[in-house]
Amino acid sequence: RARQAGAIIYYDVNFRPSHQNEVVKIRPQLLENFEYA
């Protein structure tokens, strides 16, 4: 909705080491976030 409206999208990655074992699992969402931002 933000992209459709022409808003500025600011993404703070802020990915903690405690989630390192989930990096592979969340990669599709991460790349999608990069593309939106």
PDB file of all heavy atoms in Angstrom:
ATOM      1  N   ARG A   1       0.832  -1.207   0.000  1.00  0.00           N
ATOM      2  CA  ARG A   1       0.000   0.000   0.000  1.00  0.00           C
ATOM      3  C   ARG A   1       0.869   1.261   0.000  1.00  0.00           C
ATOM      4  O   ARG A   1       0.538   2.256  -0.659  1.00  0.00           O
ATOM      5  CB  ARG A   1      -0.917  -0.007   1.221  1.00  0.00           C
ATOM      6  CG  ARG A   1      -2.016  -1.057   1.155  1.00  0.00           C
ATOM      7  CD  ARG A   1      -2.831  -1.087   2.428  1.00  0.00           C
ATOM      8  NE  ARG A   1      -3.855  -2.120   2.383  1.00  0.00           N
ATOM      9  CZ  ARG A   1      -5.149  -1.923   2.659  1.00  0.00           C
ATOM     10  NH1 ARG A   1      -5.576  -0.719   3.019  1.00  0.00           N
ATOM     11  NH2 ARG A   1      -6.012  -2.913   2.587  1.00  0.00           N
ATOM     12  N   ALA A   2       1.970   1.214   0.751  1.00  0.00           N
ATOM     13  CA  ALA A   2       2.875   2.368   0.796  1.00  0.00           C
ATOM     14  C   ALA A   2       3.494   2.632  -0.564  1.00  0.00           C
ATOM     15  O   ALA A   2       3.579   3.787  -1.011  1.00  0.00           O
ATOM     16  CB  ALA A   2       3.958   2.136   1.842  1.00  0.00           C
ATOM     17  N   ARG A   3       3.920   1.577  -1.232  1.00  0.00           N
ATOM     18  CA  ARG A   3       4.497   1.740  -2.568  1.00  0.00           C
ATOM     19  C   ARG A   3       3.464   2.275  -3.541  1.00  0.00           C
ATOM     20  O   ARG A   3       3.723   3.192  -4.327  1.00  0.00           O
ATOM     21  CB  ARG A   3       5.050   0.390  -3.055  1.00  0.00           C
ATOM     22  CG  ARG A   3       5.525   0.350  -4.491  1.00  0.00           C
ATOM     23  CD  ARG A   3       6.629   1.358  -4.782  1.00  0.00           C
ATOM     24  NE  ARG A   3       7.835   1.043  -4.072  1.00  0.00           N
ATOM     25  CZ  ARG A   3       8.381   1.819  -3.133  1.00  0.00           C
ATOM     26  NH1 ARG A   3       7.822   2.973  -2.805  1.00  0.00           N
ATOM     27  NH2 ARG A   3       9.485   1.478  -2.519  1.00  0.00           N
ATOM     28  N   GLN A   4       2.261   1.738  -3.489  1.00  0.00           N
ATOM     29  CA  GLN A   4       1.192   2.178  -4.383  1.00  0.00           C
ATOM     30  C   GLN A   4       0.855   3.657  -4.156  1.00  0.00           C
ATOM     31  O   GLN A   4       0.531   4.383  -5.092  1.00  0.00           O
ATOM     32  CB  GLN A   4      -0.039   1.301  -4.169  1.00  0.00           C
ATOM     33  CG  GLN A   4      -1.156   1.507  -5.174  1.00  0.00           C
ATOM     34  CD  GLN A   4      -2.286   0.513  -4.974  1.00  0.00           C
ATOM     35  OE1 GLN A   4      -2.759   0.288  -3.856  1.00  0.00           O
ATOM     36  NE2 GLN A   4      -2.729  -0.102  -6.055  1.00  0.00           N
ATOM     37  N   ALA A   5       0.934   4.100  -2.896  1.00  0.00           N
ATOM     38  CA  ALA A   5       0.594   5.487  -2.558  1.00  0.00           C
ATOM     39  C   ALA A   5       1.719   6.469  -2.867  1.00  0.00           C
ATOM     40  O   ALA A   5       1.505   7.685  -2.809  1.00  0.00           O
ATOM     41  CB  ALA A   5       0.230   5.574  -1.078  1.00  0.00           C
ATOM     42  N   GLY A   6       2.918   5.976  -3.144  1.00  0.00           N
ATOM     43  CA  GLY A   6       4.039   6.863  -3.409  1.00  0.00           C
ATOM     44  C   GLY A   6       4.741   7.347  -2.162  1.00  0.00           C
ATOM     45  O   GLY A   6       5.350   8.430  -2.156  1.00  0.00           O
ATOM     46  N   ALA A   7       4.662   6.548  -1.087  1.00  0.00           N
ATOM     47  CA  ALA A   7       5.350   6.890   0.157  1.00  0.00           C
ATOM     48  C   ALA A   7       6.823   6.504   0.082  1.00  0.00           C
ATOM     49  O   ALA A   7       7.232   5.695  -0.762  1.00  0.00           O
ATOM     50  CB  ALA A   7       4.684   6.179   1.334  1.00  0.00           C
ATOM     51  N   ILE A   8       7.623   7.064   0.962  1.00  0.00           N
ATOM     52  CA  ILE A   8       9.028   6.677   1.127  1.00  0.00           C
ATOM     53  C   ILE A   8       9.079   5.516   2.115  1.00  0.00           C
ATOM     54  O   ILE A   8       8.505   5.596   3.202  1.00  0.00           O
ATOM     55  CB  ILE A   8       9.863   7.849   1.662  1.00  0.00           C
ATOM     56  CG1 ILE A   8       9.867   9.008   0.655  1.00  0.00           C
ATOM     57  CG2 ILE A   8      11.291   7.411   1.982  1.00  0.00           C
ATOM     58  CD1 ILE A   8      10.476  10.299   1.206  1.00  0.00           C
ATOM     59  N   ILE A   9       9.758   4.444   1.749  1.00  0.00           N
ATOM     60  CA  ILE A   9       9.859   3.268   2.613  1.00  0.00           C
ATOM     61  C   ILE A   9      11.297   3.150   3.117  1.00  0.00           C
ATOM     62  O   ILE A   9      12.237   3.033   2.329  1.00  0.00           O
ATOM     63  CB  ILE A   9       9.430   1.994   1.873  1.00  0.00           C
ATOM     64  CG1 ILE A   9       7.976   2.130   1.389  1.00  0.00           C
ATOM     65  CG2 ILE A   9       9.585   0.773   2.767  1.00  0.00           C
ATOM     66  CD1 ILE A   9       7.469   0.945   0.585  1.00  0.00           C
ATOM     67  N   TYR A  10      11.436   3.178   4.431  1.00  0.00           N
ATOM     68  CA  TYR A  10      12.749   3.156   5.104  1.00  0.00           C
ATOM     69  C   TYR A  10      12.846   1.844   5.881  1.00  0.00           C
ATOM     70  O   TYR A  10      12.052   1.580   6.778  1.00  0.00           O
ATOM     71  CB  TYR A  10      12.846   4.352   6.048  1.00  0.00           C
ATOM     72  CG  TYR A  10      14.170   4.533   6.769  1.00  0.00           C
ATOM     73  CD1 TYR A  10      15.060   5.536   6.390  1.00  0.00           C
ATOM     74  CD2 TYR A  10      14.527   3.732   7.853  1.00  0.00           C
ATOM     75  CE1 TYR A  10      16.261   5.729   7.061  1.00  0.00           C
ATOM     76  CE2 TYR A  10      15.726   3.919   8.526  1.00  0.00           C
ATOM     77  CZ  TYR A  10      16.590   4.921   8.128  1.00  0.00           C
ATOM     78  OH  TYR A  10      17.780   5.102   8.815  1.00  0.00           O
ATOM     79  N   TYR A  11      13.839   1.030   5.530  1.00  0.00           N
ATOM     80  CA  TYR A  11      14.005  -0.305   6.113  1.00  0.00           C
ATOM     81  C   TYR A  11      15.256  -0.348   6.982  1.00  0.00           C
ATOM     82  O   TYR A  11      16.368  -0.185   6.490  1.00  0.00           O
ATOM     83  CB  TYR A  11      14.097  -1.342   5.000  1.00  0.00           C
ATOM     84  CG  TYR A  11      14.285  -2.771   5.450  1.00  0.00           C
ATOM     85  CD1 TYR A  11      13.755  -3.248   6.646  1.00  0.00           C
ATOM     86  CD2 TYR A  11      14.990  -3.670   4.651  1.00  0.00           C
ATOM     87  CE1 TYR A  11      13.923  -4.562   7.039  1.00  0.00           C
ATOM     88  CE2 TYR A  11      15.163  -4.999   5.025  1.00  0.00           C
ATOM     89  CZ  TYR A  11      14.627  -5.445   6.219  1.00  0.00           C
ATOM     90  OH  TYR A  11      14.800  -6.751   6.604  1.00  0.00           O
ATOM     91  N   ASP A  12      15.064  -0.557   8.287  1.00  0.00           N
ATOM     92  CA  ASP A  12      16.178  -0.757   9.219  1.00  0.00           C
ATOM     93  C   ASP A  12      16.356  -2.252   9.423  1.00  0.00           C
ATOM     94  O   ASP A  12      15.550  -2.896  10.091  1.00  0.00           O
ATOM     95  CB  ASP A  12      15.869  -0.063  10.555  1.00  0.00           C
ATOM     96  CG  ASP A  12      16.932  -0.334  11.609  1.00  0.00           C
ATOM     97  OD1 ASP A  12      18.065  -0.704  11.225  1.00  0.00           O
ATOM     98  OD2 ASP A  12      16.631  -0.186  12.809  1.00  0.00           O
ATOM     99  N   VAL A  13      17.407  -2.827   8.865  1.00  0.00           N
ATOM    100  CA  VAL A  13      17.601  -4.283   8.882  1.00  0.00           C
ATOM    101  C   VAL A  13      17.616  -4.829  10.305  1.00  0.00           C
ATOM    102  O   VAL A  13      16.878  -5.758  10.641  1.00  0.00           O
ATOM    103  CB  VAL A  13      18.899  -4.651   8.137  1.00  0.00           C
ATOM    104  CG1 VAL A  13      19.149  -6.149   8.222  1.00  0.00           C
ATOM    105  CG2 VAL A  13      18.806  -4.216   6.673  1.00  0.00           C
ATOM    106  N   ASN A  14      18.489  -4.316  11.156  1.00  0.00           N
ATOM    107  CA  ASN A  14      18.511  -4.629  12.593  1.00  0.00           C
ATOM    108  C   ASN A  14      18.304  -6.111  12.875  1.00  0.00           C
ATOM    109  O   ASN A  14      17.400  -6.506  13.610  1.00  0.00           O
ATOM    110  CB  ASN A  14      17.437  -3.791  13.316  1.00  0.00           C
ATOM    111  CG  ASN A  14      17.648  -3.756  14.819  1.00  0.00           C
ATOM    112  OD1 ASN A  14      18.749  -4.018  15.324  1.00  0.00           O
ATOM    113  ND2 ASN A  14      16.596  -3.444  15.549  1.00  0.00           N
ATOM    114  N   PHE A  15      19.167  -6.955  12.308  1.00  0.00           N
ATOM    115  CA  PHE A  15      19.023  -8.410  12.417  1.00  0.00           C
ATOM    116  C   PHE A  15      20.016  -8.937  13.445  1.00  0.00           C
ATOM    117  O   PHE A  15      21.218  -8.930  13.230  1.00  0.00           O
ATOM    118  CB  PHE A  15      19.253  -9.074  11.063  1.00  0.00           C
ATOM    119  CG  PHE A  15      18.708 -10.458  10.971  1.00  0.00           C
ATOM    120  CD1 PHE A  15      17.386 -10.679  10.613  1.00  0.00           C
ATOM    121  CD2 PHE A  15      19.519 -11.557  11.243  1.00  0.00           C
ATOM    122  CE1 PHE A  15      16.872 -11.968  10.530  1.00  0.00           C
ATOM    123  CE2 PHE A  15      19.018 -12.840  11.167  1.00  0.00           C
ATOM    124  CZ  PHE A  15      17.689 -13.052  10.805  1.00  0.00           C
ATOM    125  N   ARG A  16      19.496  -9.404  14.564  1.00  0.00           N
ATOM    126  CA  ARG A  16      20.346  -9.786  15.691  1.00  0.00           C
ATOM    127  C   ARG A  16      20.982 -11.169  15.503  1.00  0.00           C
ATOM    128  O   ARG A  16      20.399 -12.050  14.866  1.00  0.00           O
ATOM    129  CB  ARG A  16      19.534  -9.773  16.990  1.00  0.00           C
ATOM    130  CG  ARG A  16      18.950  -8.415  17.322  1.00  0.00           C
ATOM    131  CD  ARG A  16      18.289  -8.428  18.688  1.00  0.00           C
ATOM    132  NE  ARG A  16      17.625  -7.151  18.963  1.00  0.00           N
ATOM    133  CZ  ARG A  16      18.238  -6.053  19.366  1.00  0.00           C
ATOM    134  NH1 ARG A  16      19.545  -6.060  19.542  1.00  0.00           N
ATOM    135  NH2 ARG A  16      17.554  -4.939  19.593  1.00  0.00           N
ATOM    136  N   PRO A  17      22.174 -11.374  16.096  1.00  0.00           N
ATOM    137  CA  PRO A  17      22.826 -12.687  16.007  1.00  0.00           C
ATOM    138  C   PRO A  17      21.976 -13.834  16.538  1.00  0.00           C
ATOM    139  O   PRO A  17      22.148 -14.974  16.108  1.00  0.00           O
ATOM    140  CB  PRO A  17      24.095 -12.491  16.859  1.00  0.00           C
ATOM    141  CG  PRO A  17      24.367 -11.030  16.815  1.00  0.00           C
ATOM    142  CD  PRO A  17      23.025 -10.370  16.766  1.00  0.00           C
ATOM    143  N   SER A  18      21.049 -13.539  17.454  1.00  0.00           N
ATOM    144  CA  SER A  18      20.209 -14.610  18.008  1.00  0.00           C
ATOM    145  C   SER A  18      19.326 -15.265  16.949  1.00  0.00           C
ATOM    146  O   SER A  18      18.823 -16.368  17.146  1.00  0.00           O
ATOM    147  CB  SER A  18      19.335 -14.061  19.140  1.00  0.00           C
ATOM    148  OG  SER A  18      18.519 -12.994  18.687  1.00  0.00           O
ATOM    149  N   HIS A  19      19.142 -14.585  15.800  1.00  0.00           N
ATOM    150  CA  HIS A  19      18.327 -15.145  14.715  1.00  0.00           C
ATOM    151  C   HIS A  19      19.183 -15.701  13.575  1.00  0.00           C
ATOM    152  O   HIS A  19      18.663 -15.997  12.497  1.00  0.00           O
ATOM    153  CB  HIS A  19      17.389 -14.075  14.156  1.00  0.00           C
ATOM    154  CG  HIS A  19      16.295 -13.668  15.092  1.00  0.00           C
ATOM    155  ND1 HIS A  19      15.305 -14.540  15.498  1.00  0.00           N
ATOM    156  CD2 HIS A  19      16.038 -12.489  15.699  1.00  0.00           C
ATOM    157  CE1 HIS A  19      14.471 -13.907  16.309  1.00  0.00           C
ATOM    158  NE2 HIS A  19      14.910 -12.661  16.465  1.00  0.00           N
ATOM    159  N   GLN A  20      20.496 -15.862  13.809  1.00  0.00           N
ATOM    160  CA  GLN A  20      21.393 -16.271  12.724  1.00  0.00           C
ATOM    161  C   GLN A  20      20.998 -17.617  12.120  1.00  0.00           C
ATOM    162  O   GLN A  20      21.135 -17.828  10.913  1.00  0.00           O
ATOM    163  CB  GLN A  20      22.834 -16.334  13.236  1.00  0.00           C
ATOM    164  CG  GLN A  20      23.855 -16.571  12.115  1.00  0.00           C
ATOM    165  CD  GLN A  20      25.249 -16.157  12.518  1.00  0.00           C
ATOM    166  OE1 GLN A  20      25.566 -16.068  13.697  1.00  0.00           O
ATOM    167  NE2 GLN A  20      26.108 -15.891  11.546  1.00  0.00           N
ATOM    168  N   ASN A  21      20.478 -18.518  12.941  1.00  0.00           N
ATOM    169  CA  ASN A  21      20.107 -19.838  12.427  1.00  0.00           C
ATOM    170  C   ASN A  21      18.870 -19.785  11.523  1.00  0.00           C
ATOM    171  O   ASN A  21      18.503 -20.802  10.916  1.00  0.00           O
ATOM    172  CB  ASN A  21      19.859 -20.824  13.572  1.00  0.00           C
ATOM    173  CG  ASN A  21      18.707 -20.409  14.471  1.00  0.00           C
ATOM    174  OD1 ASN A  21      18.344 -19.236  14.512  1.00  0.00           O
ATOM    175  ND2 ASN A  21      18.133 -21.360  15.186  1.00  0.00           N
ATOM    176  N   GLU A  22      18.242 -18.623  11.407  1.00  0.00           N
ATOM    177  CA  GLU A  22      17.044 -18.485  10.571  1.00  0.00           C
ATOM    178  C   GLU A  22      17.314 -17.696   9.296  1.00  0.00           C
ATOM    179  O   GLU A  22      16.379 -17.406   8.547  1.00  0.00           O
ATOM    180  CB  GLU A  22      15.922 -17.819  11.372  1.00  0.00           C
ATOM    181  CG  GLU A  22      15.522 -18.603  12.619  1.00  0.00           C
ATOM    182  CD  GLU A  22      14.413 -17.927  13.397  1.00  0.00           C
ATOM    183  OE1 GLU A  22      13.263 -18.008  12.948  1.00  0.00           O
ATOM    184  OE2 GLU A  22      14.715 -17.332  14.452  1.00  0.00           O
ATOM    185  N   VAL A  23      18.580 -17.362   9.027  1.00  0.00           N
ATOM    186  CA  VAL A  23      18.914 -16.514   7.883  1.00  0.00           C
ATOM    187  C   VAL A  23      18.431 -17.119   6.572  1.00  0.00           C
ATOM    188  O   VAL A  23      17.814 -16.437   5.737  1.00  0.00           O
ATOM    189  CB  VAL A  23      20.431 -16.236   7.828  1.00  0.00           C
ATOM    190  CG1 VAL A  23      20.814 -15.610   6.494  1.00  0.00           C
ATOM    191  CG2 VAL A  23      20.856 -15.320   8.970  1.00  0.00           C
ATOM    192  N   VAL A  24      18.678 -18.411   6.375  1.00  0.00           N
ATOM    193  CA  VAL A  24      18.277 -19.057   5.120  1.00  0.00           C
ATOM    194  C   VAL A  24      16.761 -19.045   4.975  1.00  0.00           C
ATOM    195  O   VAL A  24      16.221 -18.763   3.895  1.00  0.00           O
ATOM    196  CB  VAL A  24      18.821 -20.497   5.055  1.00  0.00           C
ATOM    197  CG1 VAL A  24      18.267 -21.224   3.827  1.00  0.00           C
ATOM    198  CG2 VAL A  24      20.343 -20.487   5.015  1.00  0.00           C
ATOM    199  N   LYS A  25      16.065 -19.301   6.055  1.00  0.00           N
ATOM    200  CA  LYS A  25      14.601 -19.393   6.016  1.00  0.00           C
ATOM    201  C   LYS A  25      13.942 -18.061   5.692  1.00  0.00           C
ATOM    202  O   LYS A  25      12.929 -18.020   4.992  1.00  0.00           O
ATOM    203  CB  LYS A  25      14.099 -19.908   7.366  1.00  0.00           C
ATOM    204  CG  LYS A  25      12.600 -20.139   7.415  1.00  0.00           C
ATOM    205  CD  LYS A  25      12.181 -20.890   8.664  1.00  0.00           C
ATOM    206  CE  LYS A  25      12.427 -20.072   9.920  1.00  0.00           C
ATOM    207  NZ  LYS A  25      11.914 -20.748  11.141  1.00  0.00           N
ATOM    208  N   ILE A  26      14.514 -16.949   6.177  1.00  0.00           N
ATOM    209  CA  ILE A  26      13.858 -15.651   5.979  1.00  0.00           C
ATOM    210  C   ILE A  26      14.402 -14.892   4.766  1.00  0.00           C
ATOM    211  O   ILE A  26      13.966 -13.766   4.492  1.00  0.00           O
ATOM    212  CB  ILE A  26      13.986 -14.770   7.251  1.00  0.00           C
ATOM    213  CG1 ILE A  26      15.454 -14.508   7.643  1.00  0.00           C
ATOM    214  CG2 ILE A  26      13.223 -15.412   8.407  1.00  0.00           C
ATOM    215  CD1 ILE A  26      16.130 -13.340   6.974  1.00  0.00           C
ATOM    216  N   ARG A  27      15.320 -15.478   4.024  1.00  0.00           N
ATOM    217  CA  ARG A  27      15.944 -14.758   2.901  1.00  0.00           C
ATOM    218  C   ARG A  27      14.916 -14.245   1.877  1.00  0.00           C
ATOM    219  O   ARG A  27      15.042 -13.108   1.403  1.00  0.00           O
ATOM    220  CB  ARG A  27      16.990 -15.630   2.216  1.00  0.00           C
ATOM    221  CG  ARG A  27      17.770 -14.882   1.138  1.00  0.00           C
ATOM    222  CD  ARG A  27      18.930 -15.687   0.590  1.00  0.00           C
ATOM    223  NE  ARG A  27      19.583 -14.999  -0.501  1.00  0.00           N
ATOM    224  CZ  ARG A  27      20.515 -14.060  -0.375  1.00  0.00           C
ATOM    225  NH1 ARG A  27      20.910 -13.682   0.829  1.00  0.00           N
ATOM    226  NH2 ARG A  27      21.054 -13.477  -1.432  1.00  0.00           N
ATOM    227  N   PRO A  28      13.888 -15.018   1.498  1.00  0.00           N
ATOM    228  CA  PRO A  28      12.916 -14.465   0.541  1.00  0.00           C
ATOM    229  C   PRO A  28      12.240 -13.190   1.050  1.00  0.00           C
ATOM    230  O   PRO A  28      12.051 -12.237   0.291  1.00  0.00           O
ATOM    231  CB  PRO A  28      11.901 -15.608   0.378  1.00  0.00           C
ATOM    232  CG  PRO A  28      12.672 -16.843   0.705  1.00  0.00           C
ATOM    233  CD  PRO A  28      13.603 -16.437   1.799  1.00  0.00           C
ATOM    234  N   GLN A  29      11.862 -13.172   2.329  1.00  0.00           N
ATOM    235  CA  GLN A  29      11.243 -11.984   2.899  1.00  0.00           C
ATOM    236  C   GLN A  29      12.234 -10.817   2.948  1.00  0.00           C
ATOM    237  O   GLN A  29      11.880  -9.661   2.705  1.00  0.00           O
ATOM    238  CB  GLN A  29      10.711 -12.267   4.309  1.00  0.00           C
ATOM    239  CG  GLN A  29       9.549 -13.252   4.342  1.00  0.00           C
ATOM    240  CD  GLN A  29      10.022 -14.668   4.604  1.00  0.00           C
ATOM    241  OE1 GLN A  29      11.045 -15.104   4.086  1.00  0.00           O
ATOM    242  NE2 GLN A  29       9.264 -15.401   5.413  1.00  0.00           N
ATOM    243  N   LEU A  30      13.496 -11.125   3.272  1.00  0.00           N
ATOM    244  CA  LEU A  30      14.533 -10.097   3.327  1.00  0.00           C
ATOM    245  C   LEU A  30      14.711  -9.427   1.970  1.00  0.00           C
ATOM    246  O   LEU A  30      14.737  -8.194   1.873  1.00  0.00           O
ATOM    247  CB  LEU A  30      15.852 -10.725   3.790  1.00  0.00           C
ATOM    248  CG  LEU A  30      17.062  -9.793   3.836  1.00  0.00           C
ATOM    249  CD1 LEU A  30      16.946  -8.837   5.006  1.00  0.00           C
ATOM    250  CD2 LEU A  30      18.354 -10.609   3.935  1.00  0.00           C
ATOM    251  N   LEU A  31      14.818 -10.227   0.918  1.00  0.00           N
ATOM    252  CA  LEU A  31      15.007  -9.670  -0.416  1.00  0.00           C
ATOM    253  C   LEU A  31      13.781  -8.882  -0.869  1.00  0.00           C
ATOM    254  O   LEU A  31      13.908  -7.849  -1.546  1.00  0.00           O
ATOM    255  CB  LEU A  31      15.332 -10.793  -1.411  1.00  0.00           C
ATOM    256  CG  LEU A  31      16.629 -11.560  -1.146  1.00  0.00           C
ATOM    257  CD1 LEU A  31      16.858 -12.605  -2.222  1.00  0.00           C
ATOM    258  CD2 LEU A  31      17.830 -10.630  -1.038  1.00  0.00           C
ATOM    259  N   GLU A  32      12.594  -9.357  -0.494  1.00  0.00           N
ATOM    260  CA  GLU A  32      11.385  -8.611  -0.815  1.00  0.00           C
ATOM    261  C   GLU A  32      11.386  -7.254  -0.105  1.00  0.00           C
ATOM    262  O   GLU A  32      10.991  -6.240  -0.685  1.00  0.00           O
ATOM    263  CB  GLU A  32      10.150  -9.408  -0.432  1.00  0.00           C
ATOM    264  CG  GLU A  32       8.853  -8.755  -0.887  1.00  0.00           C
ATOM    265  CD  GLU A  32       7.629  -9.585  -0.535  1.00  0.00           C
ATOM    266  OE1 GLU A  32       7.507 -10.022   0.629  1.00  0.00           O
ATOM    267  OE2 GLU A  32       6.796  -9.800  -1.437  1.00  0.00           O
ATOM    268  N   ASN A  33      11.855  -7.232   1.136  1.00  0.00           N
ATOM    269  CA  ASN A  33      11.969  -5.963   1.869  1.00  0.00           C
ATOM    270  C   ASN A  33      12.933  -5.010   1.164  1.00  0.00           C
ATOM    271  O   ASN A  33      12.671  -3.806   1.050  1.00  0.00           O
ATOM    272  CB  ASN A  33      12.434  -6.210   3.297  1.00  0.00           C
ATOM    273  CG  ASN A  33      11.382  -6.853   4.165  1.00  0.00           C
ATOM    274  OD1 ASN A  33      10.200  -6.862   3.822  1.00  0.00           O
ATOM    275  ND2 ASN A  33      11.792  -7.411   5.295  1.00  0.00           N
ATOM    276  N   PHE A  34      14.074  -5.540   0.717  1.00  0.00           N
ATOM    277  CA  PHE A  34      15.023  -4.718  -0.026  1.00  0.00           C
ATOM    278  C   PHE A  34      14.352  -4.113  -1.263  1.00  0.00           C
ATOM    279  O   PHE A  34      14.561  -2.942  -1.596  1.00  0.00           O
ATOM    280  CB  PHE A  34      16.222  -5.556  -0.476  1.00  0.00           C
ATOM    281  CG  PHE A  34      17.202  -5.910   0.612  1.00  0.00           C
ATOM    282  CD1 PHE A  34      18.179  -6.869   0.385  1.00  0.00           C
ATOM    283  CD2 PHE A  34      17.164  -5.284   1.846  1.00  0.00           C
ATOM    284  CE1 PHE A  34      19.096  -7.198   1.373  1.00  0.00           C
ATOM    285  CE2 PHE A  34      18.078  -5.614   2.842  1.00  0.00           C
ATOM    286  CZ  PHE A  34      19.047  -6.574   2.599  1.00  0.00           C
ATOM    287  N   GLU A  35      13.553  -4.924  -1.942  1.00  0.00           N
ATOM    288  CA  GLU A  35      12.934  -4.453  -3.178  1.00  0.00           C
ATOM    289  C   GLU A  35      11.880  -3.379  -2.925  1.00  0.00           C
ATOM    290  O   GLU A  35      11.726  -2.450  -3.709  1.00  0.00           O
ATOM    291  CB  GLU A  35      12.319  -5.634  -3.931  1.00  0.00           C
ATOM    292  CG  GLU A  35      11.921  -5.294  -5.342  1.00  0.00           C
ATOM    293  CD  GLU A  35      11.935  -6.509  -6.249  1.00  0.00           C
ATOM    294  OE1 GLU A  35      11.856  -7.635  -5.738  1.00  0.00           O
ATOM    295  OE2 GLU A  35      12.023  -6.314  -7.478  1.00  0.00           O
ATOM    296  N   TYR A  36      11.166  -3.494  -1.817  1.00  0.00           N
ATOM    297  CA  TYR A  36      10.184  -2.471  -1.463  1.00  0.00           C
ATOM    298  C   TYR A  36      10.853  -1.165  -1.027  1.00  0.00           C
ATOM    299  O   TYR A  36      10.311  -0.076  -1.240  1.00  0.00           O
ATOM    300  CB  TYR A  36       9.296  -2.954  -0.321  1.00  0.00           C
ATOM    301  CG  TYR A  36       8.063  -3.720  -0.742  1.00  0.00           C
ATOM    302  CD1 TYR A  36       7.853  -5.034  -0.314  1.00  0.00           C
ATOM    303  CD2 TYR A  36       7.084  -3.128  -1.548  1.00  0.00           C
ATOM    304  CE1 TYR A  36       6.712  -5.735  -0.685  1.00  0.00           C
ATOM    305  CE2 TYR A  36       5.949  -3.821  -1.913  1.00  0.00           C
ATOM    306  CZ  TYR A  36       5.760  -5.118  -1.488  1.00  0.00           C
ATOM    307  OH  TYR A  36       4.636  -5.798  -1.852  1.00  0.00           O
ATOM    308  N   ALA A  37      12.017  -1.261  -0.412  1.00  0.00           N
ATOM    309  CA  ALA A  37      12.605  -0.116   0.281  1.00  0.00           C
ATOM    310  C   ALA A  37      13.181   0.921  -0.671  1.00  0.00           C
ATOM    311  O   ALA A  37      13.769   0.594  -1.706  1.00  0.00           O
ATOM    312  CB  ALA A  37      13.688  -0.589   1.244  1.00  0.00           C
TER     313      ALA A  37
END
